[in-house]
C-alpha atoms as a PDB file:
ATOM      1  CA  PHE A   1    -106.735  55.232 -94.759  1.00  0.00           C
ATOM      2  CA  LYS A   2    -107.041  54.203 -98.411  1.00  0.00           C
ATOM      3  CA  THR A   3    -103.838  52.189 -98.106  1.00  0.00           C
ATOM      4  CA  MET A   4    -105.294  50.372 -95.078  1.00  0.00           C
ATOM      5  CA  LEU A   5    -108.485  49.560 -96.995  1.00  0.00           C
ATOM      6  CA  GLU A   6    -106.502  48.254 -99.951  1.00  0.00           C
ATOM      7  CA  ALA A   7    -104.373  46.082 -97.654  1.00  0.00           C
ATOM      8  CA  ASP A   8    -107.433  44.594 -95.947  1.00  0.00           C
ATOM      9  CA  PHE A   9    -109.102  44.056 -99.302  1.00  0.00           C
ATOM     10  CA  ASP A  10    -106.076  42.173-100.612  1.00  0.00           C
ATOM     11  CA  GLU A  11    -105.971  40.123 -97.398  1.00  0.00           C
ATOM     12  CA  SER A  12    -109.629  39.158 -97.799  1.00  0.00           C
ATOM     13  CA  LYS A  13    -108.873  37.580-101.161  1.00  0.00           C
ATOM     14  CA  LYS A  14    -106.657  35.029 -99.415  1.00  0.00           C
ATOM     15  CA  ILE A  15    -109.578  33.583 -97.441  1.00  0.00           C
ATOM     16  CA  GLU A  16    -110.508  30.412 -99.288  1.00  0.00           C
ATOM     17  CA  LEU A  17    -113.535  29.415 -97.188  1.00  0.00           C
ATOM     18  CA  ASN A  18    -115.527  31.631 -94.872  1.00  0.00           C
ATOM     19  CA  VAL A  19    -117.733  29.709 -92.438  1.00  0.00           C
ATOM     20  CA  ILE A  20    -121.047  31.427 -91.717  1.00  0.00           C
ATOM     21  CA  THR A  21    -122.313  30.465 -88.249  1.00  0.00           C
ATOM     22  CA  PRO A  22    -126.098  30.096 -88.077  1.00  0.00           C
ATOM     23  CA  PHE A  23    -127.892  32.676 -85.941  1.00  0.00           C
ATOM     24  CA  MET A  24    -128.419  31.364 -82.369  1.00  0.00           C
ATOM     25  CA  GLN A  25    -126.956  27.985 -83.273  1.00  0.00           C
ATOM     26  CA  GLU A  26    -126.891  26.660 -79.690  1.00  0.00           C
ATOM     27  CA  GLU A  27    -130.543  27.449 -78.984  1.00  0.00           C
ATOM     28  CA  TRP A  28    -131.638  25.634 -82.132  1.00  0.00           C
ATOM     29  CA  THR A  29    -129.614  22.457 -81.686  1.00  0.00           C
ATOM     30  CA  GLY A  30    -131.977  19.572 -82.336  1.00  0.00           C
ATOM     31  CA  TYR A  31    -134.221  21.547 -84.678  1.00  0.00           C
ATOM     32  CA  PRO A  32    -132.743  21.025 -88.152  1.00  0.00           C
ATOM     33  CA  GLY A  33    -135.638  22.704 -89.925  1.00  0.00           C
ATOM     34  CA  ALA A  34    -138.320  21.479 -92.287  1.00  0.00           C
ATOM     35  CA  GLU A  35    -137.733  19.882 -95.650  1.00  0.00           C
ATOM     36  CA  PRO A  36    -140.311  20.214 -98.451  1.00  0.00           C
ATOM     37  CA  GLY A  37    -143.306  18.096 -97.525  1.00  0.00           C
ATOM     38  CA  ASP A  38    -142.560  17.934 -93.786  1.00  0.00           C
ATOM     39  CA  MET A  39    -145.421  20.285 -92.923  1.00  0.00           C
ATOM     40  CA  LEU A  40    -147.945  17.739 -94.199  1.00  0.00           C
ATOM     41  CA  LYS A  41    -146.453  14.666 -92.543  1.00  0.00           C
ATOM     42  CA  PRO A  42    -148.349  13.175 -89.568  1.00  0.00           C
ATOM     43  CA  THR A  43    -146.953  13.900 -86.102  1.00  0.00           C
ATOM     44  CA  ASP A  44    -147.428  11.656 -83.076  1.00  0.00           C
ATOM     45  CA  THR A  45    -149.308  13.744 -80.502  1.00  0.00           C
ATOM     46  CA  THR A  46    -150.653  10.901 -78.366  1.00  0.00           C
ATOM     47  CA  PHE A  47    -150.459  11.064 -74.565  1.00  0.00           C
ATOM     48  CA  ASP A  48    -151.169   8.451 -71.917  1.00  0.00           C
ATOM     49  CA  LEU A  49    -154.898   8.502 -71.127  1.00  0.00           C
ATOM     50  CA  ALA A  50    -154.609   7.818 -67.393  1.00  0.00           C
ATOM     51  CA  ARG A  51    -151.952  10.488 -67.029  1.00  0.00           C
ATOM     52  CA  LEU A  52    -154.042  12.986 -68.997  1.00  0.00           C
ATOM     53  CA  ARG A  53    -157.063  12.290 -66.822  1.00  0.00           C
ATOM     54  CA  ASN A  54    -154.935  12.808 -63.693  1.00  0.00           C
ATOM     55  CA  ILE A  55    -153.807  16.183 -65.015  1.00  0.00           C
ATOM     56  CA  GLY A  56    -157.418  17.086 -65.736  1.00  0.00           C
ATOM     57  CA  GLU A  57    -158.512  16.093 -62.245  1.00  0.00           C
ATOM     58  CA  PHE A  58    -155.772  18.119 -60.593  1.00  0.00           C
ATOM     59  CA  ILE A  59    -156.238  21.338 -62.579  1.00  0.00           C
ATOM     60  CA  THR A  60    -159.949  21.307 -61.733  1.00  0.00           C
ATOM     61  CA  THR A  61    -159.475  20.815 -57.977  1.00  0.00           C
ATOM     62  CA  LEU A  62    -159.551  24.098 -56.061  1.00  0.00           C
ATOM     63  CA  PRO A  63    -157.314  24.532 -52.980  1.00  0.00           C
ATOM     64  CA  LYS A  64    -159.450  23.807 -49.933  1.00  0.00           C
ATOM     65  CA  ASP A  65    -157.813  26.516 -47.829  1.00  0.00           C
ATOM     66  CA  LYS A  66    -158.868  29.323 -50.197  1.00  0.00           C
ATOM     67  CA  LYS A  67    -162.259  30.874 -50.886  1.00  0.00           C
ATOM     68  CA  PHE A  68    -163.418  31.236 -54.483  1.00  0.00           C
ATOM     69  CA  LEU A  69    -166.512  32.708 -56.074  1.00  0.00           C
ATOM     70  CA  ARG A  70    -169.400  30.264 -56.406  1.00  0.00           C
ATOM     71  CA  LYS A  71    -169.272  30.765 -60.180  1.00  0.00           C
ATOM     72  CA  THR A  72    -165.643  29.612 -60.155  1.00  0.00           C
ATOM     73  CA  GLU A  73    -166.553  26.592 -58.024  1.00  0.00           C
ATOM     74  CA  ARG A  74    -169.319  25.612 -60.453  1.00  0.00           C
ATOM     75  CA  LEU A  75    -166.944  26.003 -63.412  1.00  0.00           C
ATOM     76  CA  MET A  76    -164.304  23.779 -61.833  1.00  0.00           C
ATOM     77  CA  LYS A  77    -166.867  21.134 -60.871  1.00  0.00           C
ATOM     78  CA  ASP A  78    -168.174  21.049 -64.436  1.00  0.00           C
ATOM     79  CA  ARG A  79    -164.657  20.706 -65.840  1.00  0.00           C
ATOM     80  CA  ALA A  80    -163.859  17.923 -63.396  1.00  0.00           C
ATOM     81  CA  ASP A  81    -166.972  16.090 -64.584  1.00  0.00           C
ATOM     82  CA  GLN A  82    -165.893  16.525 -68.204  1.00  0.00           C
ATOM     83  CA  VAL A  83    -162.745  14.426 -67.750  1.00  0.00           C
ATOM     84  CA  SER A  84    -164.437  11.774 -65.603  1.00  0.00           C
ATOM     85  CA  LYS A  85    -165.017   8.279 -66.992  1.00  0.00           C
ATOM     86  CA  GLN A  86    -168.743   8.685 -66.435  1.00  0.00           C
ATOM     87  CA  ARG A  87    -169.272  11.882 -68.468  1.00  0.00           C
ATOM     88  CA  ASN A  88    -166.181  11.801 -70.707  1.00  0.00           C
ATOM     89  CA  SER A  89    -167.150  14.856 -72.766  1.00  0.00           C
ATOM     90  CA  VAL A  90    -164.589  17.659 -73.011  1.00  0.00           C
ATOM     91  CA  ASP A  91    -165.342  21.172 -74.246  1.00  0.00           C
ATOM     92  CA  TRP A  92    -163.009  23.598 -76.020  1.00  0.00           C
ATOM     93  CA  GLY A  93    -161.631  25.382 -72.968  1.00  0.00           C
ATOM     94  CA  MET A  94    -160.850  22.198 -71.074  1.00  0.00           C
ATOM     95  CA  ALA A  95    -159.217  20.565 -74.105  1.00  0.00           C
ATOM     96  CA  GLU A  96    -157.009  23.626 -74.483  1.00  0.00           C
ATOM     97  CA  LEU A  97    -155.863  23.487 -70.854  1.00  0.00           C
ATOM     98  CA  LEU A  98    -155.196  19.754 -71.176  1.00  0.00           C
ATOM     99  CA  ALA A  99    -152.998  20.439 -74.202  1.00  0.00           C
ATOM    100  CA  TYR A 100    -150.902  22.827 -72.125  1.00  0.00           C
ATOM    101  CA  GLY A 101    -150.827  20.450 -69.169  1.00  0.00           C
ATOM    102  CA  SER A 102    -149.666  17.518 -71.292  1.00  0.00           C
ATOM    103  CA  LEU A 103    -146.864  19.612 -72.806  1.00  0.00           C
ATOM    104  CA  LEU A 104    -145.777  20.793 -69.351  1.00  0.00           C
ATOM    105  CA  ALA A 105    -145.626  17.155 -68.243  1.00  0.00           C
ATOM    106  CA  GLU A 106    -143.268  16.472 -71.161  1.00  0.00           C
ATOM    107  CA  ASP A 107    -140.851  19.235 -70.117  1.00  0.00           C
ATOM    108  CA  TYR A 108    -142.011  21.868 -72.604  1.00  0.00           C
ATOM    109  CA  ASN A 109    -142.648  25.412 -71.441  1.00  0.00           C
ATOM    110  CA  VAL A 110    -145.727  27.426 -72.376  1.00  0.00           C
ATOM    111  CA  ARG A 111    -145.736  31.221 -72.655  1.00  0.00           C
ATOM    112  CA  PHE A 112    -149.010  32.979 -73.368  1.00  0.00           C
ATOM    113  CA  SER A 113    -149.708  36.699 -73.708  1.00  0.00           C
ATOM    114  CA  GLY A 114    -152.327  39.056 -75.082  1.00  0.00           C
ATOM    115  CA  GLU A 115    -154.795  41.667 -73.963  1.00  0.00           C
ATOM    116  CA  ASP A 116    -157.305  39.315 -72.304  1.00  0.00           C
ATOM    117  CA  VAL A 117    -155.701  35.882 -72.227  1.00  0.00           C
ATOM    118  CA  GLU A 118    -155.983  34.845 -68.584  1.00  0.00           C
ATOM    119  CA  ARG A 119    -159.770  34.793 -68.814  1.00  0.00           C
ATOM    120  CA  GLY A 120    -160.053  34.465 -72.606  1.00  0.00           C
ATOM    121  CA  THR A 121    -161.861  36.961 -74.842  1.00  0.00           C
ATOM    122  CA  PHE A 122    -165.080  34.957 -74.684  1.00  0.00           C
ATOM    123  CA  SER A 123    -164.569  33.824 -71.064  1.00  0.00           C
ATOM    124  CA  HIS A 124    -163.708  30.217 -71.864  1.00  0.00           C
ATOM    125  CA  ARG A 125    -160.149  29.768 -70.556  1.00  0.00           C
ATOM    126  CA  HIS A 126    -159.899  30.870 -66.912  1.00  0.00           C
ATOM    127  CA  ALA A 127    -156.231  29.858 -66.677  1.00  0.00           C
ATOM    128  CA  ILE A 128    -155.864  32.200 -63.688  1.00  0.00           C
ATOM    129  CA  LEU A 129    -158.312  31.984 -60.791  1.00  0.00           C
ATOM    130  CA  THR A 130    -158.730  34.744 -58.206  1.00  0.00           C
ATOM    131  CA  VAL A 131    -159.204  34.090 -54.486  1.00  0.00           C
ATOM    132  CA  GLU A 132    -162.339  35.951 -53.438  1.00  0.00           C
ATOM    133  CA  ASP A 133    -161.274  37.510 -50.144  1.00  0.00           C
ATOM    134  CA  SER A 134    -157.585  38.231 -50.822  1.00  0.00           C
ATOM    135  CA  GLY A 135    -157.334  38.805 -54.572  1.00  0.00           C
ATOM    136  CA  GLN A 136    -154.530  36.233 -54.775  1.00  0.00           C
ATOM    137  CA  GLU A 137    -154.096  34.695 -58.216  1.00  0.00           C
ATOM    138  CA  VAL A 138    -153.926  30.913 -58.535  1.00  0.00           C
ATOM    139  CA  CYS A 139    -152.670  29.034 -61.602  1.00  0.00           C
ATOM    140  CA  LEU A 140    -153.357  25.321 -61.198  1.00  0.00           C
ATOM    141  CA  LEU A 141    -151.386  24.499 -64.359  1.00  0.00           C
ATOM    142  CA  ASN A 142    -148.235  25.408 -62.467  1.00  0.00           C
ATOM    143  CA  GLU A 143    -148.921  23.121 -59.529  1.00  0.00           C
ATOM    144  CA  PHE A 144    -149.891  19.647 -60.722  1.00  0.00           C
ATOM    145  CA  PRO A 145    -147.623  16.688 -59.810  1.00  0.00           C
ATOM    146  CA  GLY A 146    -145.201  15.600 -62.496  1.00  0.00           C
ATOM    147  CA  LYS A 147    -145.077  18.987 -64.154  1.00  0.00           C
ATOM    148  CA  GLN A 148    -141.614  19.688 -65.565  1.00  0.00           C
ATOM    149  CA  GLY A 149    -142.155  22.736 -67.755  1.00  0.00           C
ATOM    150  CA  ARG A 150    -143.236  26.245 -66.772  1.00  0.00           C
ATOM    151  CA  PHE A 151    -146.570  27.841 -67.629  1.00  0.00           C
ATOM    152  CA  ALA A 152    -146.558  31.643 -67.879  1.00  0.00           C
ATOM    153  CA  ILE A 153    -149.625  33.645 -68.908  1.00  0.00           C
ATOM    154  CA  TYR A 154    -149.846  37.432 -68.939  1.00  0.00           C
ATOM    155  CA  ASN A 155    -152.523  39.974 -69.741  1.00  0.00           C
ATOM    156  CA  SER A 156    -150.499  42.402 -71.840  1.00  0.00           C
ATOM    157  CA  LEU A 157    -150.648  46.108 -72.559  1.00  0.00           C
ATOM    158  CA  LEU A 158    -153.056  47.228 -75.295  1.00  0.00           C
ATOM    159  CA  SER A 159    -150.608  47.057 -78.179  1.00  0.00           C
ATOM    160  CA  GLU A 160    -150.674  44.383 -80.844  1.00  0.00           C
ATOM    161  CA  TYR A 161    -147.489  45.529 -82.579  1.00  0.00           C
ATOM    162  CA  ALA A 162    -145.282  45.706 -79.476  1.00  0.00           C
ATOM    163  CA  VAL A 163    -146.512  42.526 -77.809  1.00  0.00           C
ATOM    164  CA  MET A 164    -146.559  40.337 -80.905  1.00  0.00           C
ATOM    165  CA  GLY A 165    -143.095  41.644 -81.773  1.00  0.00           C
ATOM    166  CA  PHE A 166    -141.808  40.751 -78.314  1.00  0.00           C
ATOM    167  CA  ASP A 167    -143.377  37.293 -78.469  1.00  0.00           C
ATOM    168  CA  TYR A 168    -141.904  36.712 -81.921  1.00  0.00           C
ATOM    169  CA  GLY A 169    -138.486  37.474 -80.462  1.00  0.00           C
ATOM    170  CA  TYR A 170    -139.198  35.247 -77.462  1.00  0.00           C
ATOM    171  CA  ALA A 171    -140.128  32.346 -79.736  1.00  0.00           C
ATOM    172  CA  MET A 172    -136.975  32.960 -81.753  1.00  0.00           C
ATOM    173  CA  VAL A 173    -134.700  32.178 -78.803  1.00  0.00           C
ATOM    174  CA  THR A 174    -136.796  29.490 -77.047  1.00  0.00           C
ATOM    175  CA  PRO A 175    -137.826  26.741 -79.490  1.00  0.00           C
ATOM    176  CA  ASP A 176    -138.655  24.450 -76.546  1.00  0.00           C
ATOM    177  CA  THR A 177    -141.405  26.863 -75.443  1.00  0.00           C
ATOM    178  CA  LEU A 178    -144.885  26.962 -76.953  1.00  0.00           C
ATOM    179  CA  THR A 179    -145.163  30.729 -77.382  1.00  0.00           C
ATOM    180  CA  ILE A 180    -148.676  32.043 -78.016  1.00  0.00           C
ATOM    181  CA  TRP A 181    -150.016  35.519 -78.736  1.00  0.00           C
ATOM    182  CA  GLU A 182    -153.774  35.910 -78.656  1.00  0.00           C
ATOM    183  CA  ALA A 183    -155.595  38.908 -80.062  1.00  0.00           C
ATOM    184  CA  GLN A 184    -158.399  40.311 -77.953  1.00  0.00           C
ATOM    185  CA  PHE A 185    -160.380  39.992 -81.171  1.00  0.00           C
ATOM    186  CA  GLY A 186    -158.840  38.490 -84.288  1.00  0.00           C
ATOM    187  CA  ASP A 187    -159.567  41.606 -86.322  1.00  0.00           C
ATOM    188  CA  PHE A 188    -157.205  43.567 -84.055  1.00  0.00           C
ATOM    189  CA  ALA A 189    -154.211  41.625 -85.370  1.00  0.00           C
ATOM    190  CA  ASN A 190    -153.826  44.252 -88.097  1.00  0.00           C
ATOM    191  CA  GLY A 191    -152.320  46.476 -85.400  1.00  0.00           C
ATOM    192  CA  ALA A 192    -149.277  44.214 -85.800  1.00  0.00           C
ATOM    193  CA  GLN A 193    -149.436  43.912 -89.587  1.00  0.00           C
ATOM    194  CA  ILE A 194    -145.745  44.721 -90.016  1.00  0.00           C
ATOM    195  CA  MET A 195    -144.772  41.877 -87.686  1.00  0.00           C
ATOM    196  CA  ILE A 196    -147.030  39.494 -89.595  1.00  0.00           C
ATOM    197  CA  ASP A 197    -145.913  40.502 -93.090  1.00  0.00           C
ATOM    198  CA  GLN A 198    -142.190  41.047 -92.574  1.00  0.00           C
ATOM    199  CA  PHE A 199    -141.392  38.484 -89.895  1.00  0.00           C
ATOM    200  CA  LEU A 200    -144.033  35.835 -89.302  1.00  0.00           C
ATOM    201  CA  ALA A 201    -144.714  35.033 -92.955  1.00  0.00           C
ATOM    202  CA  ALA A 202    -141.294  35.585 -94.493  1.00  0.00           C
ATOM    203  CA  ALA A 203    -138.408  35.598 -91.994  1.00  0.00           C
ATOM    204  CA  GLU A 204    -137.332  31.990 -92.476  1.00  0.00           C
ATOM    205  CA  ASP A 205    -137.088  32.402 -96.244  1.00  0.00           C
ATOM    206  CA  LYS A 206    -135.220  35.705 -95.934  1.00  0.00           C
ATOM    207  CA  TRP A 207    -132.925  35.030 -92.991  1.00  0.00           C
ATOM    208  CA  LYS A 208    -133.103  31.230 -92.445  1.00  0.00           C
ATOM    209  CA  VAL A 209    -134.388  31.766 -88.912  1.00  0.00           C
ATOM    210  CA  GLN A 210    -137.108  29.395 -87.686  1.00  0.00           C
ATOM    211  CA  ASN A 211    -139.949  30.573 -85.474  1.00  0.00           C
ATOM    212  CA  GLY A 212    -142.880  28.687 -83.964  1.00  0.00           C
ATOM    213  CA  LEU A 213    -145.013  31.580 -82.713  1.00  0.00           C
ATOM    214  CA  VAL A 214    -148.722  30.757 -82.448  1.00  0.00           C
ATOM    215  CA  LEU A 215    -151.390  33.388 -83.126  1.00  0.00           C
ATOM    216  CA  LEU A 216    -154.862  32.748 -81.731  1.00  0.00           C
ATOM    217  CA  LEU A 217    -157.446  34.994 -83.392  1.00  0.00           C
ATOM    218  CA  PRO A 218    -160.842  34.886 -81.617  1.00  0.00           C
ATOM    219  CA  HIS A 219    -163.670  35.732 -83.988  1.00  0.00           C
ATOM    220  CA  GLY A 220    -167.302  35.029 -84.746  1.00  0.00           C
ATOM    221  CA  TYR A 221    -170.347  36.555 -86.386  1.00  0.00           C
ATOM    222  CA  GLU A 222    -172.515  36.441 -83.259  1.00  0.00           C
ATOM    223  CA  GLY A 223    -173.388  40.109 -82.939  1.00  0.00           C
ATOM    224  CA  GLN A 224    -170.141  41.835 -81.957  1.00  0.00           C
ATOM    225  CA  GLY A 225    -170.148  44.181 -84.940  1.00  0.00           C
ATOM    226  CA  ALA A 226    -167.428  45.962 -86.877  1.00  0.00           C
ATOM    227  CA  GLU A 227    -163.797  44.965 -86.144  1.00  0.00           C
ATOM    228  CA  HIS A 228    -165.050  42.107 -83.950  1.00  0.00           C
ATOM    229  CA  SER A 229    -166.074  39.476 -86.461  1.00  0.00           C
ATOM    230  CA  SER A 230    -163.853  37.916 -89.106  1.00  0.00           C
ATOM    231  CA  ALA A 231    -160.163  37.892 -88.039  1.00  0.00           C
ATOM    232  CA  ARG A 232    -159.548  38.533 -91.756  1.00  0.00           C
ATOM    233  CA  LEU A 233    -158.804  34.928 -92.651  1.00  0.00           C
ATOM    234  CA  GLU A 234    -158.272  35.851 -96.296  1.00  0.00           C
ATOM    235  CA  ARG A 235    -155.250  38.032 -95.466  1.00  0.00           C
ATOM    236  CA  PHE A 236    -153.425  35.173 -93.780  1.00  0.00           C
ATOM    237  CA  LEU A 237    -154.231  32.771 -96.601  1.00  0.00           C
ATOM    238  CA  GLN A 238    -152.732  35.241 -99.078  1.00  0.00           C
ATOM    239  CA  LEU A 239    -149.483  35.149 -97.082  1.00  0.00           C
ATOM    240  CA  CYS A 240    -149.172  31.356 -97.330  1.00  0.00           C
ATOM    241  CA  ALA A 241    -146.576  30.045 -99.789  1.00  0.00           C
ATOM    242  CA  GLN A 242    -144.206  27.074 -99.925  1.00  0.00           C
ATOM    243  CA  GLU A 243    -145.272  25.727 -96.513  1.00  0.00           C
ATOM    244  CA  ASN A 244    -144.113  28.877 -94.704  1.00  0.00           C
ATOM    245  CA  MET A 245    -146.792  28.603 -91.998  1.00  0.00           C
ATOM    246  CA  THR A 246    -149.997  26.847 -90.985  1.00  0.00           C
ATOM    247  CA  VAL A 247    -153.383  28.573 -90.980  1.00  0.00           C
ATOM    248  CA  ALA A 248    -155.999  26.448 -89.229  1.00  0.00           C
ATOM    249  CA  ASN A 249    -159.701  26.617 -88.470  1.00  0.00           C
ATOM    250  CA  CYS A 250    -160.433  23.827 -85.991  1.00  0.00           C
ATOM    251  CA  THR A 251    -163.968  22.617 -85.358  1.00  0.00           C
ATOM    252  CA  THR A 252    -163.501  20.109 -82.517  1.00  0.00           C
ATOM    253  CA  PRO A 253    -161.792  20.394 -79.117  1.00  0.00           C
ATOM    254  CA  ALA A 254    -159.679  17.306 -79.862  1.00  0.00           C
ATOM    255  CA  ASN A 255    -158.364  18.710 -83.129  1.00  0.00           C
ATOM    256  CA  PHE A 256    -157.375  21.961 -81.425  1.00  0.00           C
ATOM    257  CA  TYR A 257    -155.685  19.959 -78.651  1.00  0.00           C
ATOM    258  CA  HIS A 258    -153.615  17.979 -81.158  1.00  0.00           C
ATOM    259  CA  LEU A 259    -152.816  21.084 -83.212  1.00  0.00           C
ATOM    260  CA  LEU A 260    -151.241  22.751 -80.164  1.00  0.00           C
ATOM    261  CA  ARG A 261    -149.308  19.628 -79.232  1.00  0.00           C
ATOM    262  CA  ARG A 262    -148.125  19.122 -82.810  1.00  0.00           C
ATOM    263  CA  GLN A 263    -146.557  22.567 -82.742  1.00  0.00           C
ATOM    264  CA  GLN A 264    -144.026  21.363 -80.145  1.00  0.00           C
ATOM    265  CA  LYS A 265    -143.658  17.705 -81.106  1.00  0.00           C
ATOM    266  CA  ARG A 266    -142.164  18.433 -84.524  1.00  0.00           C
ATOM    267  CA  HIS A 267    -138.427  18.643 -85.228  1.00  0.00           C
ATOM    268  CA  PHE A 268    -138.852  22.122 -86.701  1.00  0.00           C
ATOM    269  CA  ARG A 269    -140.671  25.338 -85.900  1.00  0.00           C
ATOM    270  CA  ARG A 270    -142.955  27.310 -88.200  1.00  0.00           C
ATOM    271  CA  PRO A 271    -145.687  29.827 -87.349  1.00  0.00           C
ATOM    272  CA  LEU A 272    -149.233  28.714 -86.630  1.00  0.00           C
ATOM    273  CA  VAL A 273    -152.275  30.968 -87.091  1.00  0.00           C
ATOM    274  CA  VAL A 274    -155.535  29.704 -85.587  1.00  0.00           C
ATOM    275  CA  MET A 275    -158.979  31.107 -86.318  1.00  0.00           C
ATOM    276  CA  SER A 276    -160.271  30.651 -82.763  1.00  0.00           C
ATOM    277  CA  PRO A 277    -164.057  30.241 -82.514  1.00  0.00           C
ATOM    278  CA  LYS A 278    -166.774  31.872 -80.468  1.00  0.00           C
ATOM    279  CA  SER A 279    -169.980  29.844 -80.727  1.00  0.00           C
ATOM    280  CA  LEU A 280    -168.077  26.532 -80.734  1.00  0.00           C
ATOM    281  CA  LEU A 281    -166.709  27.226 -77.249  1.00  0.00           C
ATOM    282  CA  ARG A 282    -170.032  26.297 -75.635  1.00  0.00           C
ATOM    283  CA  HIS A 283    -171.933  24.496 -78.373  1.00  0.00           C
ATOM    284  CA  PRO A 284    -173.492  21.319 -76.923  1.00  0.00           C
ATOM    285  CA  ARG A 285    -172.389  19.242 -79.926  1.00  0.00           C
ATOM    286  CA  VAL A 286    -168.801  20.514 -79.984  1.00  0.00           C
ATOM    287  CA  LYS A 287    -167.322  18.017 -77.534  1.00  0.00           C
ATOM    288  CA  SER A 288    -164.549  15.431 -77.628  1.00  0.00           C
ATOM    289  CA  THR A 289    -163.857  12.335 -75.557  1.00  0.00           C
ATOM    290  CA  MET A 290    -160.741  11.853 -73.480  1.00  0.00           C
ATOM    291  CA  GLU A 291    -159.817   8.950 -75.765  1.00  0.00           C
ATOM    292  CA  GLU A 292    -159.875  11.288 -78.774  1.00  0.00           C
ATOM    293  CA  LEU A 293    -157.471  13.590 -76.962  1.00  0.00           C
ATOM    294  CA  ALA A 294    -155.148  10.883 -75.679  1.00  0.00           C
ATOM    295  CA  ASN A 295    -155.050   8.562 -78.683  1.00  0.00           C
ATOM    296  CA  GLY A 296    -155.973  10.747 -81.648  1.00  0.00           C
ATOM    297  CA  SER A 297    -154.008  13.031 -83.938  1.00  0.00           C
ATOM    298  CA  PHE A 298    -154.446  16.292 -85.801  1.00  0.00           C
ATOM    299  CA  GLN A 299    -156.830  15.964 -88.747  1.00  0.00           C
ATOM    300  CA  PRO A 300    -156.047  18.439 -91.567  1.00  0.00           C
ATOM    301  CA  ILE A 301    -159.546  17.900 -92.953  1.00  0.00           C
ATOM    302  CA  ILE A 302    -162.591  16.466 -91.186  1.00  0.00           C
ATOM    303  CA  PRO A 303    -165.039  15.406 -93.919  1.00  0.00           C
ATOM    304  CA  ASP A 304    -168.786  15.859 -93.553  1.00  0.00           C
ATOM    305  CA  PHE A 305    -170.376  12.794 -95.104  1.00  0.00           C
ATOM    306  CA  ASP A 306    -173.875  14.263 -94.718  1.00  0.00           C
ATOM    307  CA  VAL A 307    -173.204  17.074 -97.191  1.00  0.00           C
END
């Protein structure tokens, strides 16, 4: 046995150049990775206004042959009005769905999971609608004309560690998919602290493996109490170094829309952590126009000139 080891050891010395094949090279063709400074460069996230409005109209039109709760009908009517030329005032939930719809129209896939994602922790998303008399689930994002990508959204089991770990692996092998994990409350993300510390924040530097997983962390100080308030923003900021990931706190629907689109429109993938709001979801002044969605871009800082 020792003789065999010595022979193999001597043979290894004859190898002049050993080519190391990148992990999952085929899946990551076309994504060369980020160079220093790339994270701060502007990304074109514009989308044709007429096409975006058509998507908005379709995903707010309920099937006429199915019966829905009156509350659902009122919600869809309000969202349809939001994208109309007359009202032209889009709230957070509608801007989010339009971001997914526009990516689907451009042949990107969207995968979304978490403990309460179909409805949204604060009842703002409603990506899945339930037929009143049959219990059938309807996802309008999967049915609009011109859609090329696939939208998949799943209410997961009550485990942050397992589900975030699975989604991290999913994002690792599917760079063309916007992969999102949403905490039921942002504070609960510490149930997956190992995934955040060892993989999300540091894997690319350690193993040269890109990953574009998005974490949405709903939070807000509007009376929920302990473990339902802060999402622990400071912990994520402490993990930031050398452009390893983006931590964002958006304050307008349009900026959130462009942030999601930017995640897929870049030539590289790095994690995105979003401090999702509560009060801003329905605040009467937190609105964006369809033009801001279609023709705008992500703003790293929105100055307040009144301060």
